[in-house]
């Protein structure tokens, strides 16, 4: 009888036995979550950093956009020019060292896209939209995060315009095939 009493755990030991697996389970669940969604988490953090930097540079301020388009203050143009130079250096280095994608591990491919009909018209419409709203697609989420309500309407316009582009492209593609048969 005394041997059986030794093998049975006391209430204090049973709490310790159950507490440790619970912590291990939580730890493993968190590790699994971060591993499974690592690209989304990295994207979230880089997006927040990008929005913060855009805000600090003045790219989310309507006045800076208006002054840039009126050629009164070139601060925002300097920010855009700096971003272009940094991007050019980054793409050069990515090509030179044949970097692979973080999530998939595949080689990053830099295929030059062919010229498409309507590109100039699309760029013109993009410029008009940028001038009218004093925001570009990259700054809209940061403006919404700052609480600028008008950016919600700009986001709605971006989404509707993107949807219209997709519908129009499908319509044109289907009509071309109908006329060629």
C-alpha atoms as a PDB file:
ATOM      1  CA  UNK A   1       0.000   0.000   0.000  1.00  0.00           C
ATOM      2  CA  UNK A   2       2.808   2.368   0.775  1.00  0.00           C
ATOM      3  CA  UNK A   3       4.292   1.873  -2.733  1.00  0.00           C
ATOM      4  CA  UNK A   4       0.998   2.849  -4.340  1.00  0.00           C
ATOM      5  CA  UNK A   5       0.906   6.029  -2.300  1.00  0.00           C
ATOM      6  CA  UNK A   6       4.348   7.002  -3.584  1.00  0.00           C
ATOM      7  CA  UNK A   7       3.377   6.552  -7.246  1.00  0.00           C
ATOM      8  CA  UNK A   8       0.295   8.687  -6.929  1.00  0.00           C
ATOM      9  CA  UNK A   9       1.026  12.349  -7.317  1.00  0.00           C
ATOM     10  CA  UNK A  10       0.074  14.863  -4.724  1.00  0.00           C
ATOM     11  CA  UNK A  11      -2.208  17.787  -5.627  1.00  0.00           C
ATOM     12  CA  UNK A  12       0.835  20.093  -5.674  1.00  0.00           C
ATOM     13  CA  UNK A  13       2.683  17.894  -8.200  1.00  0.00           C
ATOM     14  CA  UNK A  14      -0.369  17.507 -10.462  1.00  0.00           C
ATOM     15  CA  UNK A  15      -0.666  21.288 -10.777  1.00  0.00           C
ATOM     16  CA  UNK A  16       2.978  21.536 -11.836  1.00  0.00           C
ATOM     17  CA  UNK A  17       2.574  18.679 -14.320  1.00  0.00           C
ATOM     18  CA  UNK A  18      -0.431  20.322 -15.972  1.00  0.00           C
ATOM     19  CA  UNK A  19       0.985  23.837 -15.885  1.00  0.00           C
ATOM     20  CA  UNK A  20       4.132  23.033 -17.859  1.00  0.00           C
ATOM     21  CA  UNK A  21       2.380  21.412 -20.847  1.00  0.00           C
ATOM     22  CA  UNK A  22      -0.016  24.362 -21.060  1.00  0.00           C
ATOM     23  CA  UNK A  23       2.898  26.799 -21.345  1.00  0.00           C
ATOM     24  CA  UNK A  24       4.599  24.557 -23.877  1.00  0.00           C
ATOM     25  CA  UNK A  25       1.373  24.325 -25.850  1.00  0.00           C
ATOM     26  CA  UNK A  26       0.962  28.113 -25.919  1.00  0.00           C
ATOM     27  CA  UNK A  27       4.622  28.542 -26.895  1.00  0.00           C
ATOM     28  CA  UNK A  28       4.352  25.982 -29.709  1.00  0.00           C
ATOM     29  CA  UNK A  29       1.091  27.505 -30.930  1.00  0.00           C
ATOM     30  CA  UNK A  30       2.667  30.971 -31.098  1.00  0.00           C
ATOM     31  CA  UNK A  31       5.761  29.642 -32.855  1.00  0.00           C
ATOM     32  CA  UNK A  32       3.580  27.785 -35.342  1.00  0.00           C
ATOM     33  CA  UNK A  33       1.479  30.911 -35.954  1.00  0.00           C
ATOM     34  CA  UNK A  34       4.512  33.124 -36.561  1.00  0.00           C
ATOM     35  CA  UNK A  35       6.102  30.514 -38.804  1.00  0.00           C
ATOM     36  CA  UNK A  36       2.934  29.983 -40.862  1.00  0.00           C
ATOM     37  CA  UNK A  37       2.203  33.698 -41.245  1.00  0.00           C
ATOM     38  CA  UNK A  38       5.774  35.040 -41.278  1.00  0.00           C
ATOM     39  CA  UNK A  39       5.448  36.675 -44.698  1.00  0.00           C
ATOM     40  CA  UNK A  40       2.210  38.391 -43.641  1.00  0.00           C
ATOM     41  CA  UNK A  41       3.779  39.560 -40.385  1.00  0.00           C
ATOM     42  CA  UNK A  42       6.873  40.845 -42.200  1.00  0.00           C
ATOM     43  CA  UNK A  43       4.589  42.585 -44.698  1.00  0.00           C
ATOM     44  CA  UNK A  44       2.566  44.167 -41.910  1.00  0.00           C
ATOM     45  CA  UNK A  45       5.668  45.518 -40.165  1.00  0.00           C
ATOM     46  CA  UNK A  46       7.231  46.831 -43.385  1.00  0.00           C
ATOM     47  CA  UNK A  47       3.895  48.424 -44.335  1.00  0.00           C
ATOM     48  CA  UNK A  48       3.623  50.157 -40.974  1.00  0.00           C
ATOM     49  CA  UNK A  49       7.232  51.339 -41.294  1.00  0.00           C
ATOM     50  CA  UNK A  50       6.565  52.577 -44.834  1.00  0.00           C
ATOM     51  CA  UNK A  51       3.455  54.469 -43.708  1.00  0.00           C
ATOM     52  CA  UNK A  52       5.334  56.012 -40.789  1.00  0.00           C
ATOM     53  CA  UNK A  53       8.155  57.158 -43.067  1.00  0.00           C
ATOM     54  CA  UNK A  54       5.670  58.547 -45.614  1.00  0.00           C
ATOM     55  CA  UNK A  55       3.965  60.483 -42.851  1.00  0.00           C
ATOM     56  CA  UNK A  56       7.249  61.843 -41.498  1.00  0.00           C
ATOM     57  CA  UNK A  57       8.328  62.892 -45.014  1.00  0.00           C
ATOM     58  CA  UNK A  58       5.133  64.900 -45.491  1.00  0.00           C
ATOM     59  CA  UNK A  59       3.711  62.671 -48.213  1.00  0.00           C
ATOM     60  CA  UNK A  60       0.409  62.381 -46.355  1.00  0.00           C
ATOM     61  CA  UNK A  61      -0.087  66.141 -46.131  1.00  0.00           C
ATOM     62  CA  UNK A  62      -2.375  67.655 -48.751  1.00  0.00           C
ATOM     63  CA  UNK A  63      -0.501  70.967 -48.744  1.00  0.00           C
ATOM     64  CA  UNK A  64       2.802  69.330 -49.720  1.00  0.00           C
ATOM     65  CA  UNK A  65       1.141  67.670 -52.723  1.00  0.00           C
ATOM     66  CA  UNK A  66      -0.517  70.910 -53.802  1.00  0.00           C
ATOM     67  CA  UNK A  67       2.703  72.881 -53.408  1.00  0.00           C
ATOM     68  CA  UNK A  68       4.607  70.247 -55.397  1.00  0.00           C
ATOM     69  CA  UNK A  69       2.147  70.399 -58.296  1.00  0.00           C
ATOM     70  CA  UNK A  70       2.264  74.208 -58.217  1.00  0.00           C
ATOM     71  CA  UNK A  71       6.098  74.098 -58.118  1.00  0.00           C
ATOM     72  CA  UNK A  72       6.114  76.148 -54.910  1.00  0.00           C
ATOM     73  CA  UNK A  73       7.807  73.643 -52.571  1.00  0.00           C
ATOM     74  CA  UNK A  74       9.864  70.760 -53.908  1.00  0.00           C
ATOM     75  CA  UNK A  75      10.213  68.839 -50.604  1.00  0.00           C
ATOM     76  CA  UNK A  76       7.931  66.040 -51.755  1.00  0.00           C
ATOM     77  CA  UNK A  77       9.668  65.870 -55.144  1.00  0.00           C
ATOM     78  CA  UNK A  78      12.988  65.430 -53.309  1.00  0.00           C
ATOM     79  CA  UNK A  79      11.475  62.577 -51.285  1.00  0.00           C
ATOM     80  CA  UNK A  80      10.185  60.917 -54.469  1.00  0.00           C
ATOM     81  CA  UNK A  81      13.522  61.431 -56.219  1.00  0.00           C
ATOM     82  CA  UNK A  82      15.394  59.930 -53.260  1.00  0.00           C
ATOM     83  CA  UNK A  83      13.059  56.924 -53.296  1.00  0.00           C
ATOM     84  CA  UNK A  84      13.685  56.414 -57.015  1.00  0.00           C
ATOM     85  CA  UNK A  85      17.471  56.504 -56.527  1.00  0.00           C
ATOM     86  CA  UNK A  86      17.311  54.073 -53.586  1.00  0.00           C
ATOM     87  CA  UNK A  87      15.034  51.753 -55.596  1.00  0.00           C
ATOM     88  CA  UNK A  88      17.417  51.844 -58.575  1.00  0.00           C
ATOM     89  CA  UNK A  89      20.356  50.900 -56.364  1.00  0.00           C
ATOM     90  CA  UNK A  90      18.275  48.191 -54.685  1.00  0.00           C
ATOM     91  CA  UNK A  91      17.177  46.635 -57.983  1.00  0.00           C
ATOM     92  CA  UNK A  92      20.769  46.758 -59.261  1.00  0.00           C
ATOM     93  CA  UNK A  93      21.984  44.922 -56.147  1.00  0.00           C
ATOM     94  CA  UNK A  94      19.141  42.400 -56.303  1.00  0.00           C
ATOM     95  CA  UNK A  95      20.027  41.598 -59.910  1.00  0.00           C
ATOM     96  CA  UNK A  96      23.758  41.463 -59.230  1.00  0.00           C
ATOM     97  CA  UNK A  97      23.526  39.084 -56.266  1.00  0.00           C
ATOM     98  CA  UNK A  98      20.607  37.061 -57.725  1.00  0.00           C
ATOM     99  CA  UNK A  99      18.563  37.310 -54.542  1.00  0.00           C
ATOM    100  CA  UNK A 100      15.758  34.849 -53.811  1.00  0.00           C
ATOM    101  CA  UNK A 101      12.324  35.704 -52.450  1.00  0.00           C
ATOM    102  CA  UNK A 102      11.999  35.557 -48.661  1.00  0.00           C
ATOM    103  CA  UNK A 103       8.827  33.470 -48.568  1.00  0.00           C
ATOM    104  CA  UNK A 104       9.062  31.194 -51.620  1.00  0.00           C
ATOM    105  CA  UNK A 105      12.823  30.931 -52.022  1.00  0.00           C
ATOM    106  CA  UNK A 106      12.497  31.400 -55.790  1.00  0.00           C
ATOM    107  CA  UNK A 107      14.832  33.682 -57.703  1.00  0.00           C
ATOM    108  CA  UNK A 108      13.551  37.239 -58.038  1.00  0.00           C
ATOM    109  CA  UNK A 109      12.721  37.789 -61.704  1.00  0.00           C
ATOM    110  CA  UNK A 110      12.993  41.177 -63.397  1.00  0.00           C
ATOM    111  CA  UNK A 111      11.112  40.782 -66.662  1.00  0.00           C
ATOM    112  CA  UNK A 112      10.697  43.929 -68.709  1.00  0.00           C
ATOM    113  CA  UNK A 113       7.018  44.375 -69.501  1.00  0.00           C
ATOM    114  CA  UNK A 114       6.065  45.194 -73.077  1.00  0.00           C
ATOM    115  CA  UNK A 115       4.436  48.503 -73.945  1.00  0.00           C
ATOM    116  CA  UNK A 116       0.656  48.344 -73.788  1.00  0.00           C
ATOM    117  CA  UNK A 117      -1.787  50.449 -75.699  1.00  0.00           C
ATOM    118  CA  UNK A 118      -3.449  52.915 -73.355  1.00  0.00           C
ATOM    119  CA  UNK A 119      -0.428  53.267 -71.073  1.00  0.00           C
ATOM    120  CA  UNK A 120      -0.096  56.997 -71.734  1.00  0.00           C
ATOM    121  CA  UNK A 121      -3.828  57.520 -71.182  1.00  0.00           C
ATOM    122  CA  UNK A 122      -3.670  55.549 -67.939  1.00  0.00           C
ATOM    123  CA  UNK A 123      -0.678  57.554 -66.727  1.00  0.00           C
ATOM    124  CA  UNK A 124      -2.522  60.771 -67.586  1.00  0.00           C
ATOM    125  CA  UNK A 125      -5.589  59.640 -65.604  1.00  0.00           C
ATOM    126  CA  UNK A 126      -3.348  58.611 -62.705  1.00  0.00           C
ATOM    127  CA  UNK A 127      -1.779  62.084 -62.671  1.00  0.00           C
ATOM    128  CA  UNK A 128      -5.178  63.774 -62.756  1.00  0.00           C
ATOM    129  CA  UNK A 129      -6.367  61.630 -59.852  1.00  0.00           C
ATOM    130  CA  UNK A 130      -3.218  62.365 -57.893  1.00  0.00           C
ATOM    131  CA  UNK A 131      -3.583  66.109 -58.460  1.00  0.00           C
ATOM    132  CA  UNK A 132      -7.295  66.090 -57.576  1.00  0.00           C
ATOM    133  CA  UNK A 133      -6.971  64.061 -54.374  1.00  0.00           C
ATOM    134  CA  UNK A 134      -3.469  65.196 -53.316  1.00  0.00           C
ATOM    135  CA  UNK A 135      -2.610  61.567 -52.643  1.00  0.00           C
ATOM    136  CA  UNK A 136      -1.221  58.605 -54.507  1.00  0.00           C
ATOM    137  CA  UNK A 137      -2.127  54.947 -53.874  1.00  0.00           C
ATOM    138  CA  UNK A 138       0.875  54.476 -51.588  1.00  0.00           C
ATOM    139  CA  UNK A 139      -0.085  57.298 -49.247  1.00  0.00           C
ATOM    140  CA  UNK A 140      -3.804  56.518 -48.937  1.00  0.00           C
ATOM    141  CA  UNK A 141      -3.472  53.840 -46.195  1.00  0.00           C
ATOM    142  CA  UNK A 142      -1.162  56.112 -44.205  1.00  0.00           C
ATOM    143  CA  UNK A 143      -3.631  58.996 -44.578  1.00  0.00           C
ATOM    144  CA  UNK A 144      -6.471  56.778 -43.359  1.00  0.00           C
ATOM    145  CA  UNK A 145      -4.323  55.706 -40.399  1.00  0.00           C
ATOM    146  CA  UNK A 146      -3.775  59.380 -39.579  1.00  0.00           C
ATOM    147  CA  UNK A 147      -7.550  59.881 -39.518  1.00  0.00           C
ATOM    148  CA  UNK A 148      -7.933  61.864 -42.724  1.00  0.00           C
ATOM    149  CA  UNK A 149     -11.508  60.999 -43.693  1.00  0.00           C
ATOM    150  CA  UNK A 150     -11.183  62.239 -47.275  1.00  0.00           C
ATOM    151  CA  UNK A 151      -8.666  59.464 -47.947  1.00  0.00           C
ATOM    152  CA  UNK A 152     -11.497  56.929 -47.587  1.00  0.00           C
ATOM    153  CA  UNK A 153     -13.132  58.433 -50.671  1.00  0.00           C
ATOM    154  CA  UNK A 154      -9.813  58.279 -52.499  1.00  0.00           C
ATOM    155  CA  UNK A 155      -9.502  54.599 -51.536  1.00  0.00           C
ATOM    156  CA  UNK A 156     -13.032  53.973 -52.816  1.00  0.00           C
ATOM    157  CA  UNK A 157     -12.105  55.678 -56.106  1.00  0.00           C
ATOM    158  CA  UNK A 158      -8.959  53.550 -56.372  1.00  0.00           C
ATOM    159  CA  UNK A 159     -10.927  50.346 -55.825  1.00  0.00           C
ATOM    160  CA  UNK A 160     -13.673  51.326 -58.279  1.00  0.00           C
ATOM    161  CA  UNK A 161     -11.092  52.365 -60.873  1.00  0.00           C
ATOM    162  CA  UNK A 162      -9.198  49.101 -60.486  1.00  0.00           C
ATOM    163  CA  UNK A 163     -12.422  47.133 -60.829  1.00  0.00           C
ATOM    164  CA  UNK A 164     -13.428  49.159 -63.901  1.00  0.00           C
ATOM    165  CA  UNK A 165     -10.025  48.464 -65.457  1.00  0.00           C
ATOM    166  CA  UNK A 166     -10.460  44.722 -64.923  1.00  0.00           C
ATOM    167  CA  UNK A 167     -13.987  44.723 -66.340  1.00  0.00           C
ATOM    168  CA  UNK A 168     -12.918  46.835 -69.326  1.00  0.00           C
ATOM    169  CA  UNK A 169      -9.928  44.591 -70.049  1.00  0.00           C
ATOM    170  CA  UNK A 170     -12.164  41.496 -69.955  1.00  0.00           C
ATOM    171  CA  UNK A 171     -14.733  43.193 -72.179  1.00  0.00           C
ATOM    172  CA  UNK A 172     -12.094  44.185 -74.744  1.00  0.00           C
ATOM    173  CA  UNK A 173     -10.496  40.736 -74.697  1.00  0.00           C
ATOM    174  CA  UNK A 174     -13.862  39.010 -75.213  1.00  0.00           C
ATOM    175  CA  UNK A 175     -14.952  41.367 -77.998  1.00  0.00           C
ATOM    176  CA  UNK A 176     -11.671  40.920 -79.886  1.00  0.00           C
ATOM    177  CA  UNK A 177     -12.109  37.170 -79.868  1.00  0.00           C
ATOM    178  CA  UNK A 178     -15.712  37.555 -81.098  1.00  0.00           C
ATOM    179  CA  UNK A 179     -14.616  39.688 -84.089  1.00  0.00           C
ATOM    180  CA  UNK A 180     -11.717  37.450 -85.096  1.00  0.00           C
ATOM    181  CA  UNK A 181     -13.867  34.303 -85.450  1.00  0.00           C
END
